[in-house]
Amino acid sequence: MPSVKIGDKLPQGTFTYIPYSPELDDKLACGVPIKLSTEEWKGKKVVLFSVPGAFTPTCHAKHLPPYLEKYDQFKAKGVDVIAVLAANDAFVMNGWARVEGLKDKIIALSDTGAEWSKSLGSELAIQTPGFTRTARYAIIVDDLTVTSIEVEPAPGVTVSGADAILAKL
């Protein structure tokens, strides 16, 4: 069970990411990483889902694509921001976002070393040989207050998937 609970204020965090711009449609462009603070989500409804890694089989094929496919449904339920989070660096997350076609619909955030995920509870970071990954989870935040947090109990995508999170909105 994560240490952060429904009704808690979202712990402050700062992520890096590369915002979408049309120049990034050129596959040779890299973009420049910038910072995003969770404080920027004040007054907004945010769906944040975390994956163990960009380009990993379940994350790439089963977890991220349904969020993009159901983007309009999230927006219809009042979601202002959809973000995917992993411990990969901002350039890897941006590369993955470009391959997946996220453009400006879903923000691909880097949680370097899974530091922010660890602040939510140690089970939200997975130690693998030589690398700490973020666990598979999803959080709904409304005006910086956690309204839902779901952590996958086993490999696969169930409680943190797009359909499960849409049902909670």
N, C-alpha and C. Protein backbone atom coordinates (compact mmCIF):
# COMPACT_ATOMS: atom_id res chain seq x y z
N MET A 1 0.84 -1.19 0.00
CA MET A 1 0.00 0.00 0.00
C MET A 1 0.88 1.24 0.00
N PRO A 2 0.63 2.18 -0.90
CA PRO A 2 1.43 3.41 -0.92
C PRO A 2 1.21 4.22 0.36
N SER A 3 2.19 5.02 0.71
CA SER A 3 2.05 5.85 1.90
C SER A 3 1.12 7.04 1.63
N VAL A 4 1.02 7.48 0.39
CA VAL A 4 0.08 8.54 0.05
C VAL A 4 -1.30 7.90 -0.11
N LYS A 5 -2.31 8.58 0.41
CA LYS A 5 -3.67 8.02 0.43
C LYS A 5 -4.65 9.00 -0.21
N ILE A 6 -5.82 8.48 -0.52
CA ILE A 6 -6.89 9.32 -1.04
C ILE A 6 -7.17 10.43 -0.02
N GLY A 7 -7.26 11.65 -0.52
CA GLY A 7 -7.49 12.81 0.33
C GLY A 7 -6.22 13.55 0.71
N ASP A 8 -5.06 12.91 0.51
CA ASP A 8 -3.79 13.56 0.80
C ASP A 8 -3.45 14.58 -0.27
N LYS A 9 -2.67 15.58 0.12
CA LYS A 9 -2.10 16.50 -0.86
C LYS A 9 -1.02 15.74 -1.63
N LEU A 10 -0.98 15.91 -2.92
CA LEU A 10 0.03 15.26 -3.73
C LEU A 10 1.41 15.74 -3.31
N PRO A 11 2.34 14.84 -3.01
CA PRO A 11 3.69 15.29 -2.66
C PRO A 11 4.30 16.10 -3.80
N GLN A 12 4.98 17.16 -3.43
CA GLN A 12 5.62 18.02 -4.44
C GLN A 12 6.69 17.22 -5.16
N GLY A 13 6.78 17.44 -6.45
CA GLY A 13 7.81 16.80 -7.25
C GLY A 13 8.15 17.66 -8.45
N THR A 14 9.34 17.47 -8.96
CA THR A 14 9.76 18.17 -10.17
C THR A 14 10.28 17.12 -11.15
N PHE A 15 9.76 17.16 -12.34
CA PHE A 15 10.12 16.21 -13.38
C PHE A 15 10.77 16.96 -14.53
N THR A 16 11.48 16.23 -15.38
CA THR A 16 11.94 16.81 -16.63
C THR A 16 11.14 16.18 -17.77
N TYR A 17 10.97 16.97 -18.81
CA TYR A 17 10.30 16.47 -20.01
C TYR A 17 10.64 17.40 -21.17
N ILE A 18 10.37 16.92 -22.35
CA ILE A 18 10.56 17.73 -23.54
C ILE A 18 9.17 17.99 -24.12
N PRO A 19 8.72 19.24 -24.05
CA PRO A 19 7.38 19.54 -24.55
C PRO A 19 7.30 19.35 -26.06
N TYR A 20 6.13 18.92 -26.50
CA TYR A 20 5.92 18.72 -27.92
C TYR A 20 5.95 20.07 -28.65
N SER A 21 6.57 20.06 -29.80
CA SER A 21 6.50 21.16 -30.75
C SER A 21 6.56 20.54 -32.14
N PRO A 22 6.01 21.20 -33.14
CA PRO A 22 6.03 20.64 -34.49
C PRO A 22 7.44 20.32 -35.00
N GLU A 23 8.44 21.05 -34.50
CA GLU A 23 9.82 20.78 -34.92
C GLU A 23 10.24 19.34 -34.58
N LEU A 24 9.62 18.78 -33.54
CA LEU A 24 9.98 17.41 -33.12
C LEU A 24 9.46 16.35 -34.09
N ASP A 25 8.62 16.75 -35.03
CA ASP A 25 8.19 15.80 -36.06
C ASP A 25 9.35 15.41 -36.96
N ASP A 26 10.39 16.25 -37.01
CA ASP A 26 11.63 15.92 -37.70
C ASP A 26 12.37 14.94 -36.79
N LYS A 27 12.56 13.75 -37.24
CA LYS A 27 13.15 12.70 -36.40
C LYS A 27 14.58 13.00 -35.95
N LEU A 28 15.24 13.98 -36.56
CA LEU A 28 16.59 14.35 -36.14
C LEU A 28 16.61 15.42 -35.06
N ALA A 29 15.46 16.04 -34.80
CA ALA A 29 15.37 17.05 -33.74
C ALA A 29 15.30 16.34 -32.39
N CYS A 30 15.90 16.93 -31.38
CA CYS A 30 15.90 16.30 -30.05
C CYS A 30 15.06 17.06 -29.03
N GLY A 31 14.93 18.34 -29.16
CA GLY A 31 14.22 19.13 -28.17
C GLY A 31 15.10 19.41 -26.96
N VAL A 32 14.64 20.28 -26.11
CA VAL A 32 15.38 20.69 -24.93
C VAL A 32 14.55 20.36 -23.69
N PRO A 33 15.09 19.56 -22.77
CA PRO A 33 14.33 19.23 -21.56
C PRO A 33 14.08 20.47 -20.71
N ILE A 34 12.88 20.53 -20.15
CA ILE A 34 12.52 21.57 -19.20
C ILE A 34 11.95 20.90 -17.94
N LYS A 35 11.75 21.70 -16.91
CA LYS A 35 11.23 21.19 -15.64
C LYS A 35 9.72 21.40 -15.58
N LEU A 36 9.05 20.49 -14.90
CA LEU A 36 7.64 20.64 -14.60
C LEU A 36 7.47 20.30 -13.13
N SER A 37 6.87 21.20 -12.38
CA SER A 37 6.60 20.97 -10.96
C SER A 37 5.15 20.53 -10.80
N THR A 38 4.91 19.65 -9.85
CA THR A 38 3.54 19.25 -9.56
C THR A 38 2.69 20.45 -9.15
N GLU A 39 3.32 21.49 -8.66
CA GLU A 39 2.59 22.70 -8.26
C GLU A 39 1.87 23.34 -9.46
N GLU A 40 2.34 23.05 -10.67
CA GLU A 40 1.69 23.57 -11.88
C GLU A 40 0.32 22.93 -12.09
N TRP A 41 0.02 21.87 -11.33
CA TRP A 41 -1.26 21.19 -11.45
C TRP A 41 -2.31 21.75 -10.50
N LYS A 42 -1.98 22.81 -9.77
CA LYS A 42 -2.95 23.44 -8.88
C LYS A 42 -4.16 23.88 -9.71
N GLY A 43 -5.35 23.53 -9.23
CA GLY A 43 -6.57 23.90 -9.93
C GLY A 43 -6.90 23.02 -11.12
N LYS A 44 -6.13 21.96 -11.33
CA LYS A 44 -6.35 21.09 -12.49
C LYS A 44 -6.67 19.67 -12.05
N LYS A 45 -7.36 18.96 -12.95
CA LYS A 45 -7.59 17.52 -12.76
C LYS A 45 -6.56 16.80 -13.61
N VAL A 46 -5.78 15.94 -12.97
CA VAL A 46 -4.65 15.28 -13.61
C VAL A 46 -4.77 13.77 -13.48
N VAL A 47 -4.51 13.07 -14.55
CA VAL A 47 -4.34 11.62 -14.52
C VAL A 47 -2.87 11.35 -14.81
N LEU A 48 -2.22 10.75 -13.84
CA LEU A 48 -0.79 10.42 -13.96
C LEU A 48 -0.68 8.91 -13.85
N PHE A 49 -0.10 8.28 -14.89
CA PHE A 49 0.12 6.84 -14.78
C PHE A 49 1.60 6.56 -14.97
N SER A 50 2.05 5.58 -14.23
CA SER A 50 3.47 5.27 -14.20
C SER A 50 3.71 3.89 -14.79
N VAL A 51 4.81 3.79 -15.51
CA VAL A 51 5.20 2.52 -16.13
C VAL A 51 6.64 2.19 -15.75
N PRO A 52 7.00 0.91 -15.72
CA PRO A 52 8.39 0.54 -15.40
C PRO A 52 9.42 1.03 -16.40
N GLY A 53 9.02 1.25 -17.65
CA GLY A 53 10.01 1.72 -18.60
C GLY A 53 9.44 1.98 -19.98
N ALA A 54 9.93 3.05 -20.60
CA ALA A 54 9.59 3.33 -21.99
C ALA A 54 10.10 2.18 -22.86
N PHE A 55 9.36 1.86 -23.87
CA PHE A 55 9.71 0.83 -24.86
C PHE A 55 9.74 -0.59 -24.28
N THR A 56 9.32 -0.79 -23.04
CA THR A 56 9.25 -2.15 -22.50
C THR A 56 7.94 -2.78 -22.96
N PRO A 57 7.88 -4.10 -23.12
CA PRO A 57 6.75 -4.72 -23.83
C PRO A 57 5.35 -4.35 -23.33
N THR A 58 5.07 -4.53 -22.07
CA THR A 58 3.72 -4.24 -21.57
C THR A 58 3.43 -2.75 -21.61
N CYS A 59 4.39 -1.95 -21.22
CA CYS A 59 4.22 -0.49 -21.19
C CYS A 59 3.94 0.04 -22.60
N HIS A 60 4.72 -0.43 -23.55
CA HIS A 60 4.68 0.06 -24.92
C HIS A 60 3.44 -0.41 -25.68
N ALA A 61 3.02 -1.64 -25.43
CA ALA A 61 1.94 -2.23 -26.23
C ALA A 61 0.59 -2.22 -25.53
N LYS A 62 0.58 -2.26 -24.18
CA LYS A 62 -0.69 -2.46 -23.49
C LYS A 62 -1.08 -1.34 -22.51
N HIS A 63 -0.10 -0.62 -21.97
CA HIS A 63 -0.45 0.38 -20.96
C HIS A 63 -0.67 1.77 -21.57
N LEU A 64 0.29 2.28 -22.29
CA LEU A 64 0.20 3.63 -22.85
C LEU A 64 -0.84 3.76 -23.98
N PRO A 65 -0.86 2.88 -24.98
CA PRO A 65 -1.76 3.11 -26.12
C PRO A 65 -3.23 3.34 -25.76
N PRO A 66 -3.82 2.61 -24.81
CA PRO A 66 -5.23 2.88 -24.50
C PRO A 66 -5.48 4.29 -23.94
N TYR A 67 -4.51 4.85 -23.24
CA TYR A 67 -4.68 6.23 -22.76
C TYR A 67 -4.76 7.18 -23.94
N LEU A 68 -3.96 6.98 -24.94
CA LEU A 68 -3.99 7.84 -26.12
C LEU A 68 -5.29 7.61 -26.90
N GLU A 69 -5.67 6.34 -27.06
CA GLU A 69 -6.90 6.01 -27.80
C GLU A 69 -8.13 6.62 -27.14
N LYS A 70 -8.12 6.72 -25.82
CA LYS A 70 -9.28 7.20 -25.06
C LYS A 70 -9.12 8.65 -24.60
N TYR A 71 -8.18 9.35 -25.21
CA TYR A 71 -7.89 10.74 -24.84
C TYR A 71 -9.16 11.60 -24.77
N ASP A 72 -10.00 11.51 -25.78
CA ASP A 72 -11.21 12.33 -25.82
C ASP A 72 -12.16 11.99 -24.67
N GLN A 73 -12.19 10.72 -24.27
CA GLN A 73 -13.04 10.33 -23.15
C GLN A 73 -12.53 10.93 -21.84
N PHE A 74 -11.20 10.96 -21.67
CA PHE A 74 -10.63 11.61 -20.48
C PHE A 74 -10.98 13.10 -20.47
N LYS A 75 -10.83 13.75 -21.61
CA LYS A 75 -11.13 15.18 -21.70
C LYS A 75 -12.61 15.43 -21.39
N ALA A 76 -13.49 14.56 -21.89
CA ALA A 76 -14.93 14.72 -21.65
C ALA A 76 -15.27 14.59 -20.16
N LYS A 77 -14.41 13.92 -19.41
CA LYS A 77 -14.63 13.78 -17.97
C LYS A 77 -13.91 14.87 -17.17
N GLY A 78 -13.43 15.89 -17.86
CA GLY A 78 -12.85 17.04 -17.19
C GLY A 78 -11.38 16.95 -16.86
N VAL A 79 -10.69 15.97 -17.43
CA VAL A 79 -9.25 15.85 -17.18
C VAL A 79 -8.51 16.92 -17.97
N ASP A 80 -7.70 17.68 -17.25
CA ASP A 80 -6.91 18.75 -17.88
C ASP A 80 -5.57 18.25 -18.40
N VAL A 81 -4.94 17.31 -17.65
CA VAL A 81 -3.60 16.83 -17.97
C VAL A 81 -3.57 15.32 -17.85
N ILE A 82 -3.01 14.67 -18.86
CA ILE A 82 -2.69 13.24 -18.78
C ILE A 82 -1.18 13.16 -18.91
N ALA A 83 -0.57 12.43 -17.99
CA ALA A 83 0.89 12.30 -18.02
C ALA A 83 1.28 10.86 -17.76
N VAL A 84 2.31 10.42 -18.47
CA VAL A 84 2.92 9.11 -18.23
C VAL A 84 4.28 9.37 -17.61
N LEU A 85 4.63 8.53 -16.65
CA LEU A 85 5.84 8.73 -15.86
C LEU A 85 6.69 7.45 -15.89
N ALA A 86 7.99 7.61 -16.04
CA ALA A 86 8.92 6.48 -15.91
C ALA A 86 10.27 7.03 -15.47
N ALA A 87 11.14 6.15 -15.04
CA ALA A 87 12.46 6.57 -14.55
C ALA A 87 13.44 6.83 -15.69
N ASN A 88 13.04 6.60 -16.92
CA ASN A 88 13.91 6.90 -18.05
C ASN A 88 14.19 8.39 -18.12
N ASP A 89 15.30 8.77 -18.79
CA ASP A 89 15.60 10.20 -18.89
C ASP A 89 14.64 10.87 -19.88
N ALA A 90 14.66 12.20 -19.88
CA ALA A 90 13.72 12.97 -20.69
C ALA A 90 13.87 12.70 -22.19
N PHE A 91 15.08 12.41 -22.65
CA PHE A 91 15.27 12.14 -24.08
C PHE A 91 14.65 10.80 -24.47
N VAL A 92 14.79 9.80 -23.62
CA VAL A 92 14.16 8.49 -23.89
C VAL A 92 12.65 8.63 -23.84
N MET A 93 12.15 9.34 -22.83
CA MET A 93 10.70 9.53 -22.73
C MET A 93 10.16 10.29 -23.94
N ASN A 94 10.90 11.28 -24.42
CA ASN A 94 10.49 12.02 -25.59
C ASN A 94 10.53 11.13 -26.85
N GLY A 95 11.55 10.32 -26.96
CA GLY A 95 11.62 9.40 -28.10
C GLY A 95 10.43 8.45 -28.11
N TRP A 96 10.09 7.95 -26.93
CA TRP A 96 8.94 7.04 -26.82
C TRP A 96 7.65 7.78 -27.16
N ALA A 97 7.51 9.00 -26.64
CA ALA A 97 6.31 9.80 -26.92
C ALA A 97 6.16 10.02 -28.43
N ARG A 98 7.26 10.25 -29.11
CA ARG A 98 7.21 10.49 -30.55
C ARG A 98 6.84 9.22 -31.30
N VAL A 99 7.41 8.10 -30.91
CA VAL A 99 7.08 6.82 -31.56
C VAL A 99 5.60 6.50 -31.35
N GLU A 100 5.08 6.77 -30.15
CA GLU A 100 3.68 6.47 -29.82
C GLU A 100 2.71 7.51 -30.40
N GLY A 101 3.24 8.66 -30.86
CA GLY A 101 2.38 9.69 -31.43
C GLY A 101 1.62 10.51 -30.39
N LEU A 102 2.21 10.71 -29.22
CA LEU A 102 1.53 11.44 -28.15
C LEU A 102 1.32 12.91 -28.47
N LYS A 103 2.26 13.50 -29.21
CA LYS A 103 2.24 14.94 -29.52
C LYS A 103 1.97 15.73 -28.26
N ASP A 104 0.91 16.56 -28.23
CA ASP A 104 0.65 17.36 -27.03
C ASP A 104 -0.50 16.80 -26.20
N LYS A 105 -0.88 15.56 -26.46
CA LYS A 105 -2.00 14.96 -25.73
C LYS A 105 -1.59 14.39 -24.38
N ILE A 106 -0.49 13.68 -24.34
CA ILE A 106 -0.01 13.08 -23.09
C ILE A 106 1.42 13.54 -22.87
N ILE A 107 1.71 14.02 -21.67
CA ILE A 107 3.06 14.48 -21.33
C ILE A 107 3.86 13.28 -20.86
N ALA A 108 5.06 13.11 -21.39
CA ALA A 108 5.95 12.00 -21.00
C ALA A 108 7.00 12.54 -20.04
N LEU A 109 6.84 12.23 -18.75
CA LEU A 109 7.68 12.78 -17.69
C LEU A 109 8.76 11.81 -17.24
N SER A 110 9.91 12.37 -16.93
CA SER A 110 11.02 11.59 -16.40
C SER A 110 11.07 11.74 -14.88
N ASP A 111 10.96 10.61 -14.19
CA ASP A 111 11.12 10.56 -12.73
C ASP A 111 12.48 9.92 -12.47
N THR A 112 13.52 10.72 -12.64
CA THR A 112 14.89 10.22 -12.56
C THR A 112 15.14 9.45 -11.27
N GLY A 113 15.62 8.23 -11.42
CA GLY A 113 15.90 7.38 -10.27
C GLY A 113 14.65 6.99 -9.50
N ALA A 114 13.49 7.24 -10.06
CA ALA A 114 12.20 6.96 -9.41
C ALA A 114 12.09 7.69 -8.07
N GLU A 115 12.77 8.83 -7.95
CA GLU A 115 12.80 9.56 -6.68
C GLU A 115 11.42 10.02 -6.23
N TRP A 116 10.64 10.57 -7.12
CA TRP A 116 9.30 11.03 -6.73
C TRP A 116 8.42 9.83 -6.39
N SER A 117 8.51 8.78 -7.19
CA SER A 117 7.71 7.58 -6.92
C SER A 117 8.05 7.01 -5.55
N LYS A 118 9.32 7.02 -5.18
CA LYS A 118 9.73 6.57 -3.84
C LYS A 118 9.06 7.41 -2.77
N SER A 119 8.88 8.71 -3.02
CA SER A 119 8.27 9.59 -2.02
C SER A 119 6.81 9.23 -1.76
N LEU A 120 6.19 8.51 -2.69
CA LEU A 120 4.81 8.08 -2.53
C LEU A 120 4.71 6.77 -1.75
N GLY A 121 5.82 6.07 -1.63
CA GLY A 121 5.86 4.78 -0.95
C GLY A 121 6.86 3.89 -1.65
N SER A 122 7.63 3.15 -0.87
CA SER A 122 8.74 2.38 -1.44
C SER A 122 8.30 1.35 -2.47
N GLU A 123 7.07 0.86 -2.37
CA GLU A 123 6.61 -0.13 -3.34
C GLU A 123 6.30 0.48 -4.70
N LEU A 124 6.39 1.80 -4.81
CA LEU A 124 6.16 2.45 -6.09
C LEU A 124 7.45 2.64 -6.88
N ALA A 125 8.52 2.07 -6.37
CA ALA A 125 9.80 2.04 -7.09
C ALA A 125 10.30 0.60 -7.04
N ILE A 126 10.80 0.12 -8.15
CA ILE A 126 11.26 -1.27 -8.27
C ILE A 126 12.76 -1.26 -8.49
N GLN A 127 13.48 -1.94 -7.64
CA GLN A 127 14.93 -2.02 -7.80
C GLN A 127 15.27 -3.20 -8.71
N THR A 128 15.93 -2.90 -9.82
CA THR A 128 16.41 -3.95 -10.73
C THR A 128 17.93 -3.82 -10.75
N PRO A 129 18.63 -4.81 -11.21
CA PRO A 129 20.10 -4.70 -11.22
C PRO A 129 20.57 -3.45 -11.97
N GLY A 130 21.15 -2.53 -11.24
CA GLY A 130 21.74 -1.34 -11.83
C GLY A 130 20.78 -0.21 -12.14
N PHE A 131 19.48 -0.36 -11.85
CA PHE A 131 18.52 0.66 -12.25
C PHE A 131 17.29 0.57 -11.37
N THR A 132 16.82 1.70 -10.88
CA THR A 132 15.56 1.74 -10.15
C THR A 132 14.48 2.20 -11.11
N ARG A 133 13.43 1.41 -11.22
CA ARG A 133 12.32 1.72 -12.11
C ARG A 133 11.11 2.18 -11.31
N THR A 134 10.23 2.90 -11.96
CA THR A 134 8.95 3.22 -11.36
C THR A 134 8.06 1.99 -11.47
N ALA A 135 7.21 1.79 -10.49
CA ALA A 135 6.25 0.69 -10.54
C ALA A 135 5.10 1.08 -11.48
N ARG A 136 4.22 0.13 -11.71
CA ARG A 136 3.05 0.39 -12.56
C ARG A 136 1.90 0.83 -11.64
N TYR A 137 1.54 2.11 -11.75
CA TYR A 137 0.45 2.65 -10.93
C TYR A 137 -0.21 3.81 -11.64
N ALA A 138 -1.34 4.27 -11.11
CA ALA A 138 -2.03 5.44 -11.66
C ALA A 138 -2.62 6.24 -10.51
N ILE A 139 -2.58 7.55 -10.67
CA ILE A 139 -3.10 8.47 -9.67
C ILE A 139 -4.01 9.48 -10.36
N ILE A 140 -5.15 9.75 -9.74
CA ILE A 140 -6.00 10.86 -10.17
C ILE A 140 -5.82 11.95 -9.13
N VAL A 141 -5.55 13.15 -9.60
CA VAL A 141 -5.31 14.30 -8.73
C VAL A 141 -6.28 15.41 -9.14
N ASP A 142 -6.93 15.99 -8.16
CA ASP A 142 -7.82 17.12 -8.42
C ASP A 142 -7.38 18.27 -7.53
N ASP A 143 -6.89 19.34 -8.12
CA ASP A 143 -6.39 20.51 -7.38
C ASP A 143 -5.35 20.10 -6.33
N LEU A 144 -4.42 19.25 -6.76
CA LEU A 144 -3.30 18.76 -5.94
C LEU A 144 -3.72 17.81 -4.82
N THR A 145 -4.97 17.36 -4.83
CA THR A 145 -5.44 16.37 -3.85
C THR A 145 -5.60 15.03 -4.55
N VAL A 146 -5.07 13.98 -3.93
CA VAL A 146 -5.17 12.63 -4.49
C VAL A 146 -6.61 12.15 -4.31
N THR A 147 -7.27 11.84 -5.43
CA THR A 147 -8.64 11.32 -5.35
C THR A 147 -8.70 9.82 -5.65
N SER A 148 -7.63 9.29 -6.23
CA SER A 148 -7.54 7.85 -6.49
C SER A 148 -6.06 7.50 -6.66
N ILE A 149 -5.69 6.34 -6.13
CA ILE A 149 -4.35 5.80 -6.40
C ILE A 149 -4.50 4.29 -6.52
N GLU A 150 -4.01 3.77 -7.62
CA GLU A 150 -4.12 2.34 -7.91
C GLU A 150 -2.75 1.81 -8.28
N VAL A 151 -2.32 0.76 -7.58
CA VAL A 151 -1.03 0.12 -7.83
C VAL A 151 -1.30 -1.29 -8.33
N GLU A 152 -0.65 -1.65 -9.43
CA GLU A 152 -0.83 -3.00 -9.96
C GLU A 152 -0.36 -4.04 -8.95
N PRO A 153 -1.19 -5.02 -8.66
CA PRO A 153 -0.83 -6.05 -7.68
C PRO A 153 0.09 -7.14 -8.24
N ALA A 154 0.17 -7.22 -9.56
CA ALA A 154 0.96 -8.27 -10.23
C ALA A 154 1.32 -7.76 -11.62
N PRO A 155 2.19 -8.47 -12.32
CA PRO A 155 2.51 -8.04 -13.69
C PRO A 155 1.24 -7.92 -14.54
N GLY A 156 1.26 -6.99 -15.47
CA GLY A 156 0.12 -6.77 -16.34
C GLY A 156 -0.53 -5.42 -16.05
N VAL A 157 -1.57 -5.12 -16.81
CA VAL A 157 -2.28 -3.85 -16.67
C VAL A 157 -3.73 -4.15 -16.33
N THR A 158 -4.14 -3.80 -15.13
CA THR A 158 -5.54 -3.96 -14.71
C THR A 158 -6.00 -2.65 -14.08
N VAL A 159 -5.71 -2.45 -12.80
CA VAL A 159 -6.23 -1.31 -12.03
C VAL A 159 -5.64 0.04 -12.45
N SER A 160 -4.50 0.04 -13.14
CA SER A 160 -3.89 1.30 -13.57
C SER A 160 -4.13 1.59 -15.05
N GLY A 161 -4.89 0.75 -15.69
CA GLY A 161 -5.15 0.92 -17.12
C GLY A 161 -6.17 2.01 -17.40
N ALA A 162 -6.24 2.44 -18.63
CA ALA A 162 -7.11 3.54 -19.04
C ALA A 162 -8.57 3.28 -18.69
N ASP A 163 -9.08 2.10 -18.96
CA ASP A 163 -10.49 1.82 -18.67
C ASP A 163 -10.79 1.89 -17.18
N ALA A 164 -9.90 1.33 -16.36
CA ALA A 164 -10.10 1.35 -14.92
C ALA A 164 -10.07 2.78 -14.37
N ILE A 165 -9.18 3.60 -14.90
CA ILE A 165 -9.07 4.98 -14.42
C ILE A 165 -10.25 5.81 -14.94
N LEU A 166 -10.67 5.60 -16.16
CA LEU A 166 -11.87 6.30 -16.66
C LEU A 166 -13.08 6.01 -15.78
N ALA A 167 -13.21 4.77 -15.32
CA ALA A 167 -14.35 4.37 -14.48
C ALA A 167 -14.33 5.10 -13.14
N LYS A 168 -13.16 5.56 -12.70
CA LYS A 168 -13.05 6.26 -11.42
C LYS A 168 -13.28 7.76 -11.53
N LEU A 169 -13.34 8.27 -12.74
CA LEU A 169 -13.50 9.72 -12.93
C LEU A 169 -14.98 10.12 -12.85
